[in-house]
Protein backbone atom coordinates (compact mmCIF):
# COMPACT_ATOMS: atom_id res chain seq x y z
CA MET A 1 -16.07 -29.01 48.64
CA PRO A 2 -16.79 -31.86 46.18
CA GLU A 3 -13.29 -31.69 44.73
CA SER A 4 -12.01 -33.12 48.02
CA VAL A 5 -13.73 -36.45 47.29
CA ASN A 6 -14.47 -36.78 43.58
CA GLN A 7 -10.99 -36.66 42.01
CA GLY A 8 -9.66 -39.97 43.34
CA GLN A 9 -7.43 -40.87 46.28
CA GLY A 10 -5.58 -43.95 45.00
CA LEU A 11 -4.05 -45.60 41.93
CA LYS A 12 -4.15 -49.33 41.09
CA MET A 13 -1.95 -51.02 38.51
CA THR A 14 -2.98 -53.64 35.96
CA LYS A 15 -0.76 -55.41 33.41
CA PHE A 16 -1.52 -56.25 29.78
CA GLU A 17 0.45 -57.99 27.03
CA THR A 18 -1.65 -56.19 24.41
CA LEU A 19 -2.89 -52.66 24.90
CA PRO A 20 -6.68 -52.92 25.44
CA ASP A 21 -9.20 -50.97 23.38
CA THR A 22 -10.33 -49.32 26.62
CA ALA A 23 -6.89 -47.88 27.38
CA GLU A 24 -8.20 -44.30 27.07
CA LYS A 25 -10.31 -44.88 30.18
CA TYR A 26 -7.21 -45.36 32.33
CA TYR A 27 -5.60 -42.45 34.12
CA LEU A 28 -2.00 -43.35 33.22
CA CYS A 29 -0.48 -45.79 30.73
CA LEU A 30 3.13 -46.99 30.73
CA ARG A 31 5.06 -49.28 28.39
CA GLU A 32 8.09 -51.22 29.60
CA ASP A 33 11.18 -51.11 27.40
CA ASN A 34 14.34 -52.87 28.61
CA GLY A 35 13.51 -52.38 32.28
CA LYS A 36 12.50 -48.73 31.87
CA TYR A 37 9.00 -47.31 31.68
CA ILE A 38 7.73 -44.87 29.08
CA ASN A 39 4.62 -42.76 29.59
CA ILE A 40 2.41 -43.38 26.54
CA THR A 41 -0.82 -41.91 27.97
CA SER A 42 -1.02 -39.19 25.32
CA ALA A 43 0.06 -41.47 22.44
CA LEU A 44 -2.08 -44.60 22.69
CA GLU A 45 -3.30 -44.97 19.11
CA PRO A 46 0.04 -46.20 17.63
CA GLU A 47 0.28 -48.80 20.42
CA LYS A 48 -3.06 -50.47 19.86
CA GLY A 49 -2.83 -54.07 18.75
CA LYS A 50 0.88 -54.33 19.52
CA GLN A 51 2.38 -56.96 21.78
CA GLY A 52 4.33 -55.61 24.71
CA LYS A 53 4.43 -55.03 28.43
CA TYR A 54 1.81 -52.43 29.31
CA LEU A 55 1.11 -51.16 32.81
CA LEU A 56 -2.15 -49.24 33.15
CA PHE A 57 -3.27 -47.32 36.22
CA TYR A 58 -6.79 -46.36 37.23
CA LYS A 59 -8.05 -44.18 40.06
CA THR A 60 -9.71 -45.48 43.21
CA TYR A 61 -12.10 -43.53 45.41
CA HIS A 62 -13.15 -43.51 49.04
CA GLY A 63 -16.59 -45.08 49.23
CA LYS A 64 -19.55 -43.83 51.22
CA SER A 65 -19.80 -45.16 54.75
CA PRO A 66 -22.07 -44.85 57.80
CA TRP A 67 -18.87 -44.03 59.72
CA TYR A 68 -18.92 -40.69 57.90
CA GLY A 69 -22.66 -40.04 58.07
CA GLY A 70 -23.27 -41.70 54.73
CA PHE A 71 -20.63 -39.59 53.00
CA SER A 72 -17.07 -40.36 51.88
CA TYR A 73 -13.86 -39.70 53.78
CA VAL A 74 -12.25 -36.59 52.34
CA ASP A 75 -8.77 -36.29 50.83
CA LEU A 76 -6.76 -34.68 53.65
CA LEU A 77 -3.93 -34.07 51.17
CA PHE A 78 -6.10 -31.86 48.98
CA PRO A 79 -5.15 -28.14 49.21
CA GLY A 80 -7.56 -26.15 51.37
CA VAL A 81 -9.57 -29.10 52.69
CA THR A 82 -8.45 -28.55 56.30
CA GLN A 83 -9.12 -24.82 56.14
CA LYS A 84 -12.61 -25.56 54.79
CA PHE A 85 -13.25 -28.02 57.63
CA ILE A 86 -12.11 -25.43 60.18
CA GLU A 87 -14.30 -22.79 58.54
CA ILE A 88 -17.53 -24.80 58.57
CA THR A 89 -16.91 -26.44 61.95
CA MET A 90 -15.21 -23.95 64.22
CA LYS A 91 -17.31 -20.89 63.33
CA GLY A 92 -20.21 -22.39 65.29
CA TYR A 93 -18.00 -23.04 68.30
CA GLU A 94 -16.53 -19.54 68.07
CA LYS A 95 -20.01 -17.99 67.99
CA ASN A 96 -21.46 -19.95 70.91
CA LEU A 97 -18.44 -20.80 73.06
CA GLY A 98 -15.62 -18.58 71.88
CA THR A 99 -15.35 -16.72 75.17
CA GLU A 100 -14.41 -20.03 76.82
CA PHE A 101 -11.56 -20.81 74.41
CA GLY A 102 -8.41 -21.26 76.46
CA ARG A 103 -10.43 -21.42 79.68
CA THR A 104 -13.04 -24.15 80.23
CA ILE A 105 -12.29 -25.26 76.66
CA PRO A 106 -8.50 -25.71 76.65
CA GLY A 107 -8.17 -27.10 73.15
CA THR A 108 -9.30 -29.40 70.34
CA PHE A 109 -8.81 -33.16 70.03
CA THR A 110 -8.41 -34.81 66.64
CA ASP A 111 -9.26 -38.51 66.43
CA GLU A 112 -7.57 -40.75 63.86
CA PRO A 113 -7.11 -38.58 60.76
CA GLN A 114 -5.36 -40.67 58.10
CA ILE A 115 -4.30 -40.74 54.46
CA ASN A 116 -4.90 -44.42 53.65
CA SER A 117 -5.50 -45.32 50.02
CA PRO A 118 -8.91 -46.76 49.07
CA GLY A 119 -7.03 -49.17 46.78
CA GLY A 120 -3.53 -49.35 45.33
CA ILE A 121 -1.07 -46.60 46.24
CA ARG A 122 -2.11 -43.28 47.75
CA TRP A 123 -2.60 -40.52 45.19
CA THR A 124 -3.84 -36.94 45.17
CA PRO A 125 -4.25 -34.59 42.17
CA ASP A 126 -0.99 -32.63 42.56
CA LEU A 127 1.17 -35.51 43.87
CA PHE A 128 3.31 -35.78 40.74
CA GLU A 129 3.90 -32.03 40.60
CA ILE A 130 4.96 -31.84 44.26
CA PHE A 131 7.14 -34.94 43.90
CA GLN A 132 8.91 -33.58 40.80
CA LYS A 133 9.60 -30.27 42.51
CA ARG A 134 11.19 -31.94 45.55
CA TRP A 135 13.05 -34.92 44.06
CA LYS A 136 13.73 -33.71 40.50
CA TYR A 137 12.39 -36.77 38.66
CA ASP A 138 9.03 -37.94 37.33
CA LEU A 139 7.20 -40.30 39.68
CA ARG A 140 4.83 -41.36 36.89
CA THR A 141 7.47 -43.46 35.14
CA GLN A 142 8.63 -44.91 38.49
CA LEU A 143 5.21 -46.03 39.75
CA PRO A 144 5.93 -49.75 39.20
CA SER A 145 8.58 -49.48 41.95
CA LEU A 146 5.78 -48.72 44.41
CA PHE A 147 4.03 -51.99 43.54
CA GLU A 148 6.96 -54.33 42.89
CA GLU A 149 10.67 -54.54 43.72
CA VAL A 150 11.79 -53.21 40.33
CA GLY A 151 14.11 -50.35 39.45
CA ASP A 152 15.52 -48.30 42.32
CA TRP A 153 12.49 -49.24 44.40
CA LYS A 154 13.98 -48.45 47.82
CA MET A 155 14.80 -44.87 46.81
CA VAL A 156 11.46 -44.35 45.06
CA ARG A 157 9.47 -45.67 48.05
CA HIS A 158 11.46 -43.50 50.46
CA ASN A 159 10.94 -40.37 48.36
CA TYR A 160 7.26 -41.16 47.82
CA THR A 161 6.55 -41.70 51.52
CA GLN A 162 8.48 -38.55 52.47
CA THR A 163 6.42 -36.58 49.97
CA LEU A 164 3.09 -37.84 51.32
CA LEU A 165 4.22 -37.16 54.89
CA GLN A 166 5.22 -33.58 54.14
CA MET A 167 1.94 -32.95 52.31
CA PHE A 168 0.03 -34.35 55.32
CA ILE A 169 1.96 -32.05 57.66
CA ASP A 170 1.54 -28.98 55.45
CA ARG A 171 -2.12 -29.51 54.60
CA TRP A 172 -3.52 -31.00 57.81
CA ALA A 173 -1.29 -30.56 60.86
CA LYS A 174 -0.02 -27.03 60.25
CA PRO A 175 -3.43 -25.41 59.56
CA TRP A 176 -4.81 -26.88 62.80
CA TYR A 177 -1.73 -25.82 64.77
CA PHE A 178 -1.93 -22.23 63.57
CA TYR A 179 -5.69 -22.02 64.06
CA CYS A 180 -5.32 -23.15 67.68
CA GLN A 181 -2.35 -20.86 68.23
CA GLU A 182 -4.34 -17.86 67.03
CA ASN A 183 -7.44 -18.72 69.06
CA GLY A 184 -5.98 -19.57 72.45
CA LEU A 185 -6.51 -23.31 72.02
CA LYS A 186 -4.21 -26.29 72.28
CA PHE A 187 -4.14 -28.82 69.45
CA THR A 188 -3.94 -32.46 70.55
CA GLY A 189 -5.25 -35.91 69.63
CA HIS A 190 -3.88 -38.95 67.83
CA TYR A 191 -3.57 -40.44 64.36
CA TRP A 192 -4.77 -43.68 62.85
CA GLU A 193 -3.89 -46.66 65.05
CA HIS A 194 -0.10 -46.05 65.36
CA GLU A 195 0.60 -48.96 63.00
CA TRP A 196 4.38 -48.61 62.66
CA PRO A 197 6.06 -49.97 60.56
CA ASN A 198 2.96 -49.66 58.34
CA MET A 199 3.40 -46.15 56.90
CA ARG A 200 0.26 -46.08 54.76
CA PRO A 201 -2.08 -44.34 57.25
CA GLY A 202 0.18 -41.31 57.64
CA GLY A 203 3.88 -41.86 57.10
CA ASP A 204 5.23 -40.94 60.53
CA ASN A 205 2.94 -40.17 63.48
CA MET A 206 5.72 -38.57 65.52
CA ALA A 207 6.41 -36.06 62.75
CA MET A 208 2.74 -35.12 62.88
CA TYR A 209 2.86 -34.69 66.69
CA ALA A 210 5.51 -32.00 66.32
CA TRP A 211 2.58 -29.75 65.34
CA HIS A 212 0.51 -30.42 68.48
CA GLN A 213 0.61 -27.98 71.36
CA VAL A 214 -0.16 -30.96 73.66
CA LEU A 215 1.15 -34.45 72.94
CA GLN A 216 -0.83 -37.58 73.82
CA LEU A 217 1.62 -40.25 74.97
CA ILE A 218 0.26 -43.77 74.65
CA CYS A 219 2.14 -46.43 76.62
CA PHE A 220 1.73 -50.16 76.12
CA SER A 221 2.85 -52.96 78.45
CA ILE A 222 2.40 -56.62 77.63
CA ASN A 223 1.89 -58.93 80.61
CA GLY A 224 -0.53 -61.41 79.15
CA THR A 225 -2.77 -58.48 78.29
CA ILE A 226 -2.22 -55.15 76.63
CA GLN A 227 -2.73 -52.12 78.84
CA ARG A 228 -3.04 -48.58 77.57
CA GLN A 229 -2.48 -45.34 79.39
CA GLU A 230 -2.66 -41.82 78.01
CA HIS A 231 -0.87 -38.79 79.41
CA SER A 232 -0.79 -35.23 78.20
CA SER A 233 2.36 -33.15 78.04
CA GLU A 234 3.06 -29.69 76.68
CA THR A 235 5.13 -29.58 73.50
């Protein structure tokens, strides 16, 4: 599923006082006018050579890593990526061990799935479409609010994070939940490092846990050292 890795997973912003000759190579181009931002991506030629405040965005990509067998981490927000993972992974388990599902194999454990950006803000190909449908405004012209405290940045950041979280739930957590439900398994595990209030790895871990059949509770106590205990409970 190459489209789960080769379309970009982040956007980085750069500023120019003169639109560069290479502007066509950028994914999105904005011009600032009196505190508002205009999308000029499809009309760059008239802007060339002019002085102004230009904000250009380029895509970033997950790099290859030995952590992933020499491959890249996939975009867990991409439609169908979780179903494809289940298809190519669980069929082998079903064939060889399926009779033990719900018995000696009570469930599946997921370890640290996350939606971190490889650079800049997190992006996925249909982010703007999903955002527009939910919040009724164009995120493209509000992107500077995700990098700097400009415009109605608190509202934009809230809406953006809520959108990513719901996409993560819909495209990762729910497919696993329903697969386990249909196959006599219990879905459990944990997400990336529980870094609250850092929302970049996943938005809200507890919202993700609502889609586990078994919840892993991790308790910390600080008495000179940090101790960790894990307990399972049915949800």
